[in-house]
PDB file of N, CA and C in Angstrom:
ATOM      1  N   MET A   1     103.360  41.442 -76.066  1.00  0.00           N
ATOM      2  CA  MET A   1     102.577  40.238 -76.025  1.00  0.00           C
ATOM      3  C   MET A   1     101.090  40.570 -75.866  1.00  0.00           C
ATOM      4  N   LEU A   2     100.279  39.568 -76.014  1.00  0.00           N
ATOM      5  CA  LEU A   2      98.838  39.757 -76.012  1.00  0.00           C
ATOM      6  C   LEU A   2      98.307  40.176 -74.649  1.00  0.00           C
ATOM      7  N   TRP A   3      98.893  39.681 -73.568  1.00  0.00           N
ATOM      8  CA  TRP A   3      98.395  40.019 -72.231  1.00  0.00           C
ATOM      9  C   TRP A   3      98.715  41.465 -71.843  1.00  0.00           C
ATOM     10  N   GLN A   4      99.555  42.154 -72.598  1.00  0.00           N
ATOM     11  CA  GLN A   4      99.913  43.533 -72.313  1.00  0.00           C
ATOM     12  C   GLN A   4      98.917  44.523 -72.898  1.00  0.00           C
ATOM     13  N   LEU A   5      97.973  44.053 -73.675  1.00  0.00           N
ATOM     14  CA  LEU A   5      96.993  44.927 -74.318  1.00  0.00           C
ATOM     15  C   LEU A   5      95.764  45.071 -73.430  1.00  0.00           C
ATOM     16  N   TRP A   6      95.365  46.308 -73.184  1.00  0.00           N
ATOM     17  CA  TRP A   6      94.264  46.567 -72.263  1.00  0.00           C
ATOM     18  C   TRP A   6      92.947  46.012 -72.787  1.00  0.00           C
ATOM     19  N   TRP A   7      92.753  46.072 -74.098  1.00  0.00           N
ATOM     20  CA  TRP A   7      91.471  45.635 -74.644  1.00  0.00           C
ATOM     21  C   TRP A   7      91.293  44.123 -74.546  1.00  0.00           C
ATOM     22  N   VAL A   8      92.377  43.366 -74.481  1.00  0.00           N
ATOM     23  CA  VAL A   8      92.270  41.911 -74.309  1.00  0.00           C
ATOM     24  C   VAL A   8      91.671  41.608 -72.937  1.00  0.00           C
ATOM     25  N   TRP A   9      92.127  42.345 -71.909  1.00  0.00           N
ATOM     26  CA  TRP A   9      91.594  42.155 -70.558  1.00  0.00           C
ATOM     27  C   TRP A   9      90.131  42.580 -70.494  1.00  0.00           C
ATOM     28  N   MET A  10      89.762  43.653 -71.195  1.00  0.00           N
ATOM     29  CA  MET A  10      88.369  44.111 -71.199  1.00  0.00           C
ATOM     30  C   MET A  10      87.448  43.102 -71.904  1.00  0.00           C
ATOM     31  N   ILE A  11      87.924  42.534 -73.000  1.00  0.00           N
ATOM     32  CA  ILE A  11      87.131  41.513 -73.692  1.00  0.00           C
ATOM     33  C   ILE A  11      86.989  40.276 -72.814  1.00  0.00           C
ATOM     34  N   ALA A  12      88.074  39.894 -72.135  1.00  0.00           N
ATOM     35  CA  ALA A  12      87.994  38.749 -71.224  1.00  0.00           C
ATOM     36  C   ALA A  12      86.988  39.021 -70.112  1.00  0.00           C
ATOM     37  N   GLY A  13      86.980  40.241 -69.598  1.00  0.00           N
ATOM     38  CA  GLY A  13      85.998  40.608 -68.576  1.00  0.00           C
ATOM     39  C   GLY A  13      84.574  40.543 -69.096  1.00  0.00           C
ATOM     40  N   ALA A  14      84.368  41.002 -70.326  1.00  0.00           N
ATOM     41  CA  ALA A  14      83.026  40.961 -70.918  1.00  0.00           C
ATOM     42  C   ALA A  14      82.573  39.524 -71.156  1.00  0.00           C
ATOM     43  N   VAL A  15      83.474  38.675 -71.633  1.00  0.00           N
ATOM     44  CA  VAL A  15      83.135  37.264 -71.868  1.00  0.00           C
ATOM     45  C   VAL A  15      82.784  36.581 -70.550  1.00  0.00           C
ATOM     46  N   LEU A  16      83.565  36.850 -69.509  1.00  0.00           N
ATOM     47  CA  LEU A  16      83.273  36.254 -68.201  1.00  0.00           C
ATOM     48  C   LEU A  16      81.947  36.763 -67.643  1.00  0.00           C
ATOM     49  N   ALA A  17      81.644  38.031 -67.866  1.00  0.00           N
ATOM     50  CA  ALA A  17      80.360  38.568 -67.402  1.00  0.00           C
ATOM     51  C   ALA A  17      79.192  37.927 -68.148  1.00  0.00           C
ATOM     52  N   ILE A  18      79.350  37.691 -69.430  1.00  0.00           N
ATOM     53  CA  ILE A  18      78.299  37.026 -70.208  1.00  0.00           C
ATOM     54  C   ILE A  18      78.137  35.582 -69.741  1.00  0.00           C
ATOM     55  N   LEU A  19      79.245  34.909 -69.483  1.00  0.00           N
ATOM     56  CA  LEU A  19      79.160  33.535 -68.974  1.00  0.00           C
ATOM     57  C   LEU A  19      78.492  33.487 -67.601  1.00  0.00           C
ATOM     58  N   GLU A  20      78.653  34.537 -66.814  1.00  0.00           N
ATOM     59  CA  GLU A  20      78.004  34.596 -65.500  1.00  0.00           C
ATOM     60  C   GLU A  20      76.490  34.581 -65.637  1.00  0.00           C
ATOM     61  N   ILE A  21      75.985  35.173 -66.699  1.00  0.00           N
ATOM     62  CA  ILE A  21      74.541  35.164 -66.934  1.00  0.00           C
ATOM     63  C   ILE A  21      74.058  33.734 -67.167  1.00  0.00           C
ATOM     64  N   LEU A  22      74.863  32.945 -67.862  1.00  0.00           N
ATOM     65  CA  LEU A  22      74.486  31.561 -68.153  1.00  0.00           C
ATOM     66  C   LEU A  22      74.685  30.646 -66.958  1.00  0.00           C
ATOM     67  N   VAL A  23      75.696  30.927 -66.133  1.00  0.00           N
ATOM     68  CA  VAL A  23      76.019  30.102 -64.966  1.00  0.00           C
ATOM     69  C   VAL A  23      75.926  31.004 -63.742  1.00  0.00           C
ATOM     70  N   SER A  24      74.760  31.100 -63.168  1.00  0.00           N
ATOM     71  CA  SER A  24      74.572  32.043 -62.068  1.00  0.00           C
ATOM     72  C   SER A  24      75.301  31.577 -60.815  1.00  0.00           C
ATOM     73  N   GLY A  25      75.506  32.483 -59.901  1.00  0.00           N
ATOM     74  CA  GLY A  25      76.161  32.158 -58.650  1.00  0.00           C
ATOM     75  C   GLY A  25      77.192  33.182 -58.231  1.00  0.00           C
ATOM     76  N   PHE A  26      77.391  34.203 -59.036  1.00  0.00           N
ATOM     77  CA  PHE A  26      78.330  35.284 -58.744  1.00  0.00           C
ATOM     78  C   PHE A  26      79.760  34.780 -58.567  1.00  0.00           C
ATOM     79  N   ILE A  27      80.134  33.740 -59.293  1.00  0.00           N
ATOM     80  CA  ILE A  27      81.505  33.244 -59.242  1.00  0.00           C
ATOM     81  C   ILE A  27      82.308  33.868 -60.377  1.00  0.00           C
ATOM     82  N   LEU A  28      81.815  33.786 -61.585  1.00  0.00           N
ATOM     83  CA  LEU A  28      82.538  34.344 -62.721  1.00  0.00           C
ATOM     84  C   LEU A  28      82.501  35.865 -62.736  1.00  0.00           C
ATOM     85  N   LEU A  29      81.512  36.453 -62.076  1.00  0.00           N
ATOM     86  CA  LEU A  29      81.420  37.906 -62.061  1.00  0.00           C
ATOM     87  C   LEU A  29      82.600  38.531 -61.326  1.00  0.00           C
ATOM     88  N   GLY A  30      83.089  37.882 -60.288  1.00  0.00           N
ATOM     89  CA  GLY A  30      84.279  38.369 -59.597  1.00  0.00           C
ATOM     90  C   GLY A  30      85.495  38.366 -60.511  1.00  0.00           C
ATOM     91  N   PHE A  31      85.645  37.302 -61.299  1.00  0.00           N
ATOM     92  CA  PHE A  31      86.747  37.249 -62.258  1.00  0.00           C
ATOM     93  C   PHE A  31      86.567  38.297 -63.360  1.00  0.00           C
ATOM     94  N   ALA A  32      85.329  38.536 -63.764  1.00  0.00           N
ATOM     95  CA  ALA A  32      85.061  39.551 -64.781  1.00  0.00           C
ATOM     96  C   ALA A  32      85.449  40.940 -64.278  1.00  0.00           C
ATOM     97  N   ILE A  33      85.119  41.228 -63.038  1.00  0.00           N
ATOM     98  CA  ILE A  33      85.481  42.520 -62.459  1.00  0.00           C
ATOM     99  C   ILE A  33      87.001  42.629 -62.328  1.00  0.00           C
ATOM    100  N   GLY A  34      87.667  41.554 -61.933  1.00  0.00           N
ATOM    101  CA  GLY A  34      89.127  41.550 -61.844  1.00  0.00           C
ATOM    102  C   GLY A  34      89.785  41.795 -63.193  1.00  0.00           C
ATOM    103  N   ALA A  35      89.256  41.173 -64.243  1.00  0.00           N
ATOM    104  CA  ALA A  35      89.806  41.376 -65.590  1.00  0.00           C
ATOM    105  C   ALA A  35      89.554  42.801 -66.073  1.00  0.00           C
ATOM    106  N   ALA A  36      88.362  43.321 -65.798  1.00  0.00           N
ATOM    107  CA  ALA A  36      88.058  44.695 -66.200  1.00  0.00           C
ATOM    108  C   ALA A  36      88.932  45.699 -65.445  1.00  0.00           C
ATOM    109  N   LEU A  37      89.166  45.444 -64.176  1.00  0.00           N
ATOM    110  CA  LEU A  37      90.045  46.315 -63.385  1.00  0.00           C
ATOM    111  C   LEU A  37      91.469  46.290 -63.934  1.00  0.00           C
ATOM    112  N   THR A  38      91.950  45.118 -64.285  1.00  0.00           N
ATOM    113  CA  THR A  38      93.289  45.002 -64.860  1.00  0.00           C
ATOM    114  C   THR A  38      93.360  45.741 -66.197  1.00  0.00           C
ATOM    115  N   GLY A  39      92.336  45.588 -67.036  1.00  0.00           N
ATOM    116  CA  GLY A  39      92.300  46.302 -68.310  1.00  0.00           C
ATOM    117  C   GLY A  39      92.245  47.809 -68.122  1.00  0.00           C
ATOM    118  N   LEU A  40      91.475  48.253 -67.137  1.00  0.00           N
ATOM    119  CA  LEU A  40      91.374  49.688 -66.869  1.00  0.00           C
ATOM    120  C   LEU A  40      92.714  50.262 -66.404  1.00  0.00           C
ATOM    121  N   LEU A  41      93.385  49.539 -65.508  1.00  0.00           N
ATOM    122  CA  LEU A  41      94.683  50.014 -65.018  1.00  0.00           C
ATOM    123  C   LEU A  41      95.747  49.997 -66.116  1.00  0.00           C
ATOM    124  N   LEU A  42      95.661  49.037 -67.036  1.00  0.00           N
ATOM    125  CA  LEU A  42      96.569  49.036 -68.184  1.00  0.00           C
ATOM    126  C   LEU A  42      96.279  50.223 -69.092  1.00  0.00           C
ATOM    127  N   TRP A  43      95.013  50.489 -69.326  1.00  0.00           N
ATOM    128  CA  TRP A  43      94.613  51.597 -70.200  1.00  0.00           C
ATOM    129  C   TRP A  43      95.056  52.937 -69.633  1.00  0.00           C
ATOM    130  N   LEU A  44      94.961  53.084 -68.306  1.00  0.00           N
ATOM    131  CA  LEU A  44      95.376  54.325 -67.663  1.00  0.00           C
ATOM    132  C   LEU A  44      96.894  54.454 -67.584  1.00  0.00           C
ATOM    133  N   GLY A  45      97.613  53.381 -67.848  1.00  0.00           N
ATOM    134  CA  GLY A  45      99.063  53.415 -67.810  1.00  0.00           C
ATOM    135  C   GLY A  45      99.643  53.216 -66.422  1.00  0.00           C
ATOM    136  N   VAL A  46      98.830  52.765 -65.484  1.00  0.00           N
ATOM    137  CA  VAL A  46      99.295  52.546 -64.114  1.00  0.00           C
ATOM    138  C   VAL A  46     100.134  51.286 -64.023  1.00  0.00           C
ATOM    139  N   LEU A  47      99.760  50.264 -64.774  1.00  0.00           N
ATOM    140  CA  LEU A  47     100.473  48.981 -64.732  1.00  0.00           C
ATOM    141  C   LEU A  47     101.473  48.890 -65.872  1.00  0.00           C
ATOM    142  N   GLY A  48     102.550  48.180 -65.618  1.00  0.00           N
ATOM    143  CA  GLY A  48     103.498  47.864 -66.675  1.00  0.00           C
ATOM    144  C   GLY A  48     103.045  46.614 -67.405  1.00  0.00           C
ATOM    145  N   GLY A  49     103.879  46.105 -68.256  1.00  0.00           N
ATOM    146  CA  GLY A  49     103.498  44.945 -69.045  1.00  0.00           C
ATOM    147  C   GLY A  49     103.967  43.615 -68.488  1.00  0.00           C
ATOM    148  N   SER A  50     104.437  43.593 -67.257  1.00  0.00           N
ATOM    149  CA  SER A  50     104.936  42.357 -66.675  1.00  0.00           C
ATOM    150  C   SER A  50     103.789  41.387 -66.435  1.00  0.00           C
ATOM    151  N   LEU A  51     103.933  40.168 -66.899  1.00  0.00           N
ATOM    152  CA  LEU A  51     102.879  39.167 -66.746  1.00  0.00           C
ATOM    153  C   LEU A  51     102.617  38.866 -65.273  1.00  0.00           C
ATOM    154  N   ALA A  52     103.666  38.784 -64.471  1.00  0.00           N
ATOM    155  CA  ALA A  52     103.490  38.500 -63.047  1.00  0.00           C
ATOM    156  C   ALA A  52     102.679  39.598 -62.354  1.00  0.00           C
ATOM    157  N   THR A  53     102.949  40.848 -62.699  1.00  0.00           N
ATOM    158  CA  THR A  53     102.207  41.964 -62.111  1.00  0.00           C
ATOM    159  C   THR A  53     100.745  41.929 -62.543  1.00  0.00           C
ATOM    160  N   LEU A  54     100.512  41.655 -63.808  1.00  0.00           N
ATOM    161  CA  LEU A  54      99.138  41.617 -64.318  1.00  0.00           C
ATOM    162  C   LEU A  54      98.345  40.487 -63.658  1.00  0.00           C
ATOM    163  N   ILE A  55      98.952  39.339 -63.506  1.00  0.00           N
ATOM    164  CA  ILE A  55      98.262  38.212 -62.870  1.00  0.00           C
ATOM    165  C   ILE A  55      97.988  38.519 -61.402  1.00  0.00           C
ATOM    166  N   LEU A  56      98.932  39.164 -60.741  1.00  0.00           N
ATOM    167  CA  LEU A  56      98.728  39.529 -59.340  1.00  0.00           C
ATOM    168  C   LEU A  56      97.579  40.526 -59.190  1.00  0.00           C
ATOM    169  N   VAL A  57      97.548  41.542 -60.036  1.00  0.00           N
ATOM    170  CA  VAL A  57      96.454  42.526 -59.983  1.00  0.00           C
ATOM    171  C   VAL A  57      95.129  41.856 -60.302  1.00  0.00           C
ATOM    172  N   PHE A  58      95.120  40.973 -61.287  1.00  0.00           N
ATOM    173  CA  PHE A  58      93.901  40.246 -61.640  1.00  0.00           C
ATOM    174  C   PHE A  58      93.419  39.384 -60.477  1.00  0.00           C
ATOM    175  N   ALA A  59      94.335  38.664 -59.838  1.00  0.00           N
ATOM    176  CA  ALA A  59      93.959  37.779 -58.731  1.00  0.00           C
ATOM    177  C   ALA A  59      93.444  38.567 -57.532  1.00  0.00           C
ATOM    178  N   VAL A  60      94.146  39.620 -57.157  1.00  0.00           N
ATOM    179  CA  VAL A  60      93.719  40.422 -56.001  1.00  0.00           C
ATOM    180  C   VAL A  60      92.400  41.143 -56.307  1.00  0.00           C
ATOM    181  N   GLY A  61      92.291  41.692 -57.514  1.00  0.00           N
ATOM    182  CA  GLY A  61      91.042  42.356 -57.900  1.00  0.00           C
ATOM    183  C   GLY A  61      89.864  41.402 -57.923  1.00  0.00           C
ATOM    184  N   SER A  62      90.086  40.196 -58.426  1.00  0.00           N
ATOM    185  CA  SER A  62      89.022  39.191 -58.473  1.00  0.00           C
ATOM    186  C   SER A  62      88.604  38.759 -57.069  1.00  0.00           C
ATOM    187  N   LEU A  63      89.581  38.568 -56.200  1.00  0.00           N
ATOM    188  CA  LEU A  63      89.274  38.166 -54.826  1.00  0.00           C
ATOM    189  C   LEU A  63      88.491  39.251 -54.098  1.00  0.00           C
ATOM    190  N   LEU A  64      88.922  40.495 -54.220  1.00  0.00           N
ATOM    191  CA  LEU A  64      88.211  41.593 -53.558  1.00  0.00           C
ATOM    192  C   LEU A  64      86.802  41.768 -54.127  1.00  0.00           C
ATOM    193  N   ALA A  65      86.674  41.611 -55.447  1.00  0.00           N
ATOM    194  CA  ALA A  65      85.351  41.710 -56.060  1.00  0.00           C
ATOM    195  C   ALA A  65      84.446  40.575 -55.594  1.00  0.00           C
ATOM    196  N   TRP A  66      84.998  39.366 -55.494  1.00  0.00           N
ATOM    197  CA  TRP A  66      84.197  38.228 -55.033  1.00  0.00           C
ATOM    198  C   TRP A  66      83.746  38.432 -53.590  1.00  0.00           C
ATOM    199  N   LEU A  67      84.660  38.915 -52.746  1.00  0.00           N
ATOM    200  CA  LEU A  67      84.291  39.166 -51.353  1.00  0.00           C
ATOM    201  C   LEU A  67      83.220  40.251 -51.239  1.00  0.00           C
ATOM    202  N   ALA A  68      83.336  41.291 -52.048  1.00  0.00           N
ATOM    203  CA  ALA A  68      82.332  42.359 -52.035  1.00  0.00           C
ATOM    204  C   ALA A  68      80.986  41.838 -52.536  1.00  0.00           C
ATOM    205  N   LEU A  69      81.003  41.042 -53.602  1.00  0.00           N
ATOM    206  CA  LEU A  69      79.757  40.470 -54.114  1.00  0.00           C
ATOM    207  C   LEU A  69      79.135  39.522 -53.102  1.00  0.00           C
ATOM    208  N   ARG A  70      79.967  38.767 -52.434  1.00  0.00           N
ATOM    209  CA  ARG A  70      79.474  37.828 -51.415  1.00  0.00           C
ATOM    210  C   ARG A  70      78.780  38.585 -50.287  1.00  0.00           C
ATOM    211  N   ARG A  71      79.354  39.724 -49.914  1.00  0.00           N
ATOM    212  CA  ARG A  71      78.767  40.527 -48.841  1.00  0.00           C
ATOM    213  C   ARG A  71      77.457  41.180 -49.289  1.00  0.00           C
ATOM    214  N   VAL A  72      77.422  41.654 -50.528  1.00  0.00           N
ATOM    215  CA  VAL A  72      76.251  42.393 -51.006  1.00  0.00           C
ATOM    216  C   VAL A  72      75.110  41.460 -51.412  1.00  0.00           C
ATOM    217  N   VAL A  73      75.398  40.426 -52.197  1.00  0.00           N
ATOM    218  CA  VAL A  73      74.331  39.577 -52.736  1.00  0.00           C
ATOM    219  C   VAL A  73      74.450  38.121 -52.326  1.00  0.00           C
ATOM    220  N   GLY A  74      75.340  37.814 -51.414  1.00  0.00           N
ATOM    221  CA  GLY A  74      75.571  36.430 -51.017  1.00  0.00           C
ATOM    222  C   GLY A  74      74.536  35.915 -50.038  1.00  0.00           C
ATOM    223  N   VAL A  75      74.910  34.896 -49.323  1.00  0.00           N
ATOM    224  CA  VAL A  75      74.031  34.272 -48.344  1.00  0.00           C
ATOM    225  C   VAL A  75      73.748  35.260 -47.215  1.00  0.00           C
ATOM    226  N   ARG A  76      72.506  35.439 -46.920  1.00  0.00           N
ATOM    227  CA  ARG A  76      72.101  36.364 -45.864  1.00  0.00           C
ATOM    228  C   ARG A  76      72.265  35.714 -44.500  1.00  0.00           C
ATOM    229  N   HIS A  77      72.452  36.527 -43.488  1.00  0.00           N
ATOM    230  CA  HIS A  77      72.597  36.037 -42.118  1.00  0.00           C
ATOM    231  C   HIS A  77      71.327  35.308 -41.688  1.00  0.00           C
ATOM    232  N   GLY A  78      71.468  34.101 -41.237  1.00  0.00           N
ATOM    233  CA  GLY A  78      70.328  33.314 -40.796  1.00  0.00           C
ATOM    234  C   GLY A  78      69.670  32.522 -41.902  1.00  0.00           C
ATOM    235  N   GLN A  79      70.101  32.698 -43.138  1.00  0.00           N
ATOM    236  CA  GLN A  79      69.509  31.964 -44.252  1.00  0.00           C
ATOM    237  C   GLN A  79      70.007  30.523 -44.226  1.00  0.00           C
ATOM    238  N   VAL A  80      69.089  29.594 -44.359  1.00  0.00           N
ATOM    239  CA  VAL A  80      69.425  28.183 -44.301  1.00  0.00           C
ATOM    240  C   VAL A  80      68.918  27.512 -45.569  1.00  0.00           C
ATOM    241  N   LYS A  81      69.752  26.682 -46.170  1.00  0.00           N
ATOM    242  CA  LYS A  81      69.339  25.910 -47.339  1.00  0.00           C
ATOM    243  C   LYS A  81      68.586  24.684 -46.868  1.00  0.00           C
ATOM    244  N   VAL A  82      67.354  24.523 -47.354  1.00  0.00           N
ATOM    245  CA  VAL A  82      66.516  23.387 -46.989  1.00  0.00           C
ATOM    246  C   VAL A  82      66.419  22.471 -48.205  1.00  0.00           C
ATOM    247  N   TRP A  83      66.813  21.223 -48.012  1.00  0.00           N
ATOM    248  CA  TRP A  83      66.754  20.246 -49.087  1.00  0.00           C
ATOM    249  C   TRP A  83      65.415  19.522 -49.022  1.00  0.00           C
ATOM    250  N   ASP A  84      64.679  19.559 -50.123  1.00  0.00           N
ATOM    251  CA  ASP A  84      63.369  18.918 -50.181  1.00  0.00           C
ATOM    252  C   ASP A  84      63.461  17.442 -50.532  1.00  0.00           C
ATOM    253  N   ARG A  85      64.485  17.059 -51.262  1.00  0.00           N
ATOM    254  CA  ARG A  85      64.613  15.656 -51.655  1.00  0.00           C
ATOM    255  C   ARG A  85      66.084  15.280 -51.706  1.00  0.00           C
ATOM    256  N   ASP A  86      66.320  14.003 -51.625  1.00  0.00           N
ATOM    257  CA  ASP A  86      67.663  13.464 -51.681  1.00  0.00           C
ATOM    258  C   ASP A  86      67.979  13.073 -53.114  1.00  0.00           C
ATOM    259  N   ILE A  87      69.189  13.327 -53.576  1.00  0.00           N
ATOM    260  CA  ILE A  87      69.542  12.996 -54.951  1.00  0.00           C
ATOM    261  C   ILE A  87      69.601  11.489 -55.171  1.00  0.00           C
ATOM    262  N   ASN A  88      69.676  10.718 -54.098  1.00  0.00           N
ATOM    263  CA  ASN A  88      69.742   9.266 -54.217  1.00  0.00           C
ATOM    264  C   ASN A  88      68.364   8.620 -54.305  1.00  0.00           C
ATOM    265  N   GLU A  89      67.327   9.400 -54.031  1.00  0.00           N
ATOM    266  CA  GLU A  89      65.973   8.855 -54.128  1.00  0.00           C
ATOM    267  C   GLU A  89      65.528   8.910 -55.573  1.00  0.00           C
ATOM    268  N   GLY A  90      64.816   7.944 -55.991  1.00  0.00           N
ATOM    269  CA  GLY A  90      64.380   7.842 -57.377  1.00  0.00           C
ATOM    270  C   GLY A  90      63.103   8.441 -57.592  1.00  0.00           C
TER     271      GLY A  90
END
């Protein structure tokens, strides 16, 4: 099947990384890293072709990547968001 091919996961990772450039916030980048990790492990032959295993590796890899990105480039300690205007004001 298509999800068993390593290059499909790598292309999905590249597409998600490109979309991250358009939609900033380091949300899609975690998914891109998870997809690239899954593709790399498939390419190395570490993972089998089971869809459940691939989704699990993708989910765990994405979560760990998101947590790492949050720690490295996320909200800094003591940083406070200050709102200058209310969206309800005209």
